[in-house]
């Protein structure tokens, strides 16, 4: 997991190009989503973290975004209520 505020813009772009960063998350809400998600783009930089993959995000206790990862979010709700 990478913290947005601790990465330079050059490193962030490089990690995205290399596939080291594929998802973004909100550290306070514990929600992760795609880098192109409109909800994620509105997030404050100090609250943003990055993940290589979904497994890393879920391992850190994050849940899928209800906007950009709708199907996975609905599966998560089903698991939580079951």
C-alpha atoms as a PDB file:
ATOM      1  CA  UNK A   1       0.000   0.000   0.000  1.00  0.00           C
ATOM      2  CA  UNK A   2       1.312   3.420  -0.936  1.00  0.00           C
ATOM      3  CA  UNK A   3       0.198   6.678   0.673  1.00  0.00           C
ATOM      4  CA  UNK A   4      -0.505   9.353  -1.948  1.00  0.00           C
ATOM      5  CA  UNK A   5       1.120  12.165   0.025  1.00  0.00           C
ATOM      6  CA  UNK A   6       4.368  10.195   0.323  1.00  0.00           C
ATOM      7  CA  UNK A   7       4.762   9.645  -3.432  1.00  0.00           C
ATOM      8  CA  UNK A   8       6.112  12.199  -5.856  1.00  0.00           C
ATOM      9  CA  UNK A   9       4.001  12.749  -8.959  1.00  0.00           C
ATOM     10  CA  UNK A  10       6.815  11.202 -11.025  1.00  0.00           C
ATOM     11  CA  UNK A  11       6.880   8.051  -8.873  1.00  0.00           C
ATOM     12  CA  UNK A  12       3.082   7.821  -8.892  1.00  0.00           C
ATOM     13  CA  UNK A  13       2.955   8.011 -12.695  1.00  0.00           C
ATOM     14  CA  UNK A  14       5.803   5.526 -13.017  1.00  0.00           C
ATOM     15  CA  UNK A  15       4.143   3.035 -10.643  1.00  0.00           C
ATOM     16  CA  UNK A  16       0.853   3.305 -12.546  1.00  0.00           C
ATOM     17  CA  UNK A  17       2.630   2.737 -15.879  1.00  0.00           C
ATOM     18  CA  UNK A  18       4.464  -0.283 -14.417  1.00  0.00           C
ATOM     19  CA  UNK A  19       1.234  -1.744 -13.016  1.00  0.00           C
ATOM     20  CA  UNK A  20       2.408  -1.397  -9.405  1.00  0.00           C
ATOM     21  CA  UNK A  21      -0.591   0.853  -8.734  1.00  0.00           C
ATOM     22  CA  UNK A  22      -3.962  -0.280 -10.093  1.00  0.00           C
ATOM     23  CA  UNK A  23      -6.482   0.772  -7.423  1.00  0.00           C
ATOM     24  CA  UNK A  24      -6.995   3.734  -5.123  1.00  0.00           C
ATOM     25  CA  UNK A  25      -8.575   3.799  -1.707  1.00  0.00           C
ATOM     26  CA  UNK A  26      -9.846   6.137   0.980  1.00  0.00           C
ATOM     27  CA  UNK A  27      -7.998   5.446   4.217  1.00  0.00           C
ATOM     28  CA  UNK A  28     -10.800   6.850   6.413  1.00  0.00           C
ATOM     29  CA  UNK A  29     -13.761   5.218   4.687  1.00  0.00           C
ATOM     30  CA  UNK A  30     -11.888   1.966   3.925  1.00  0.00           C
ATOM     31  CA  UNK A  31     -13.223   1.898   0.338  1.00  0.00           C
ATOM     32  CA  UNK A  32     -11.153   1.028  -2.736  1.00  0.00           C
ATOM     33  CA  UNK A  33     -11.899   1.481  -6.424  1.00  0.00           C
ATOM     34  CA  UNK A  34     -10.476   1.942  -9.883  1.00  0.00           C
ATOM     35  CA  UNK A  35      -8.167   4.834 -10.640  1.00  0.00           C
ATOM     36  CA  UNK A  36     -10.722   6.214 -13.099  1.00  0.00           C
ATOM     37  CA  UNK A  37     -13.619   6.271 -10.595  1.00  0.00           C
ATOM     38  CA  UNK A  38     -15.288   9.685 -10.339  1.00  0.00           C
ATOM     39  CA  UNK A  39     -15.840   9.210  -6.600  1.00  0.00           C
ATOM     40  CA  UNK A  40     -12.193   8.406  -6.048  1.00  0.00           C
ATOM     41  CA  UNK A  41     -11.027  11.397  -8.044  1.00  0.00           C
ATOM     42  CA  UNK A  42     -12.908  13.721  -5.658  1.00  0.00           C
ATOM     43  CA  UNK A  43     -11.088  12.302  -2.641  1.00  0.00           C
ATOM     44  CA  UNK A  44      -8.608  14.482  -0.756  1.00  0.00           C
ATOM     45  CA  UNK A  45      -5.013  13.512  -1.440  1.00  0.00           C
ATOM     46  CA  UNK A  46      -4.239  13.155   2.264  1.00  0.00           C
ATOM     47  CA  UNK A  47      -6.926  10.435   2.510  1.00  0.00           C
ATOM     48  CA  UNK A  48      -5.818   8.513  -0.614  1.00  0.00           C
ATOM     49  CA  UNK A  49      -3.793   5.327  -0.704  1.00  0.00           C
ATOM     50  CA  UNK A  50      -2.896   3.086  -3.624  1.00  0.00           C
ATOM     51  CA  UNK A  51      -2.887  -0.680  -4.079  1.00  0.00           C
ATOM     52  CA  UNK A  52      -1.335  -3.053  -6.591  1.00  0.00           C
ATOM     53  CA  UNK A  53      -4.430  -5.250  -6.711  1.00  0.00           C
ATOM     54  CA  UNK A  54      -7.774  -5.938  -5.072  1.00  0.00           C
ATOM     55  CA  UNK A  55      -6.355  -8.681  -2.883  1.00  0.00           C
ATOM     56  CA  UNK A  56      -3.988  -6.174  -1.278  1.00  0.00           C
ATOM     57  CA  UNK A  57      -6.856  -3.738  -0.695  1.00  0.00           C
ATOM     58  CA  UNK A  58      -9.087  -6.345   0.945  1.00  0.00           C
ATOM     59  CA  UNK A  59      -6.164  -7.622   3.025  1.00  0.00           C
ATOM     60  CA  UNK A  60      -5.909  -4.103   4.480  1.00  0.00           C
ATOM     61  CA  UNK A  61      -9.624  -4.139   5.350  1.00  0.00           C
ATOM     62  CA  UNK A  62     -10.972  -2.075   2.432  1.00  0.00           C
ATOM     63  CA  UNK A  63     -14.287  -2.830   0.706  1.00  0.00           C
ATOM     64  CA  UNK A  64     -15.140  -2.363  -2.999  1.00  0.00           C
ATOM     65  CA  UNK A  65     -16.567   0.939  -4.235  1.00  0.00           C
ATOM     66  CA  UNK A  66     -20.304   0.889  -4.888  1.00  0.00           C
ATOM     67  CA  UNK A  67     -19.866   3.012  -8.029  1.00  0.00           C
ATOM     68  CA  UNK A  68     -16.993   1.643 -10.102  1.00  0.00           C
ATOM     69  CA  UNK A  69     -16.956  -1.902  -8.674  1.00  0.00           C
ATOM     70  CA  UNK A  70     -20.711  -2.365  -8.349  1.00  0.00           C
ATOM     71  CA  UNK A  71     -20.826  -6.159  -8.769  1.00  0.00           C
ATOM     72  CA  UNK A  72     -18.031  -6.720  -6.260  1.00  0.00           C
ATOM     73  CA  UNK A  73     -19.683  -4.276  -3.878  1.00  0.00           C
ATOM     74  CA  UNK A  74     -22.973  -6.204  -4.062  1.00  0.00           C
ATOM     75  CA  UNK A  75     -21.085  -9.451  -3.404  1.00  0.00           C
ATOM     76  CA  UNK A  76     -19.388  -7.797  -0.417  1.00  0.00           C
ATOM     77  CA  UNK A  77     -22.784  -6.713   0.991  1.00  0.00           C
ATOM     78  CA  UNK A  78     -24.073 -10.255   0.572  1.00  0.00           C
ATOM     79  CA  UNK A  79     -21.085 -11.654   2.471  1.00  0.00           C
ATOM     80  CA  UNK A  80     -21.399  -9.088   5.257  1.00  0.00           C
ATOM     81  CA  UNK A  81     -25.099  -9.780   5.783  1.00  0.00           C
ATOM     82  CA  UNK A  82     -24.798 -13.551   5.472  1.00  0.00           C
END
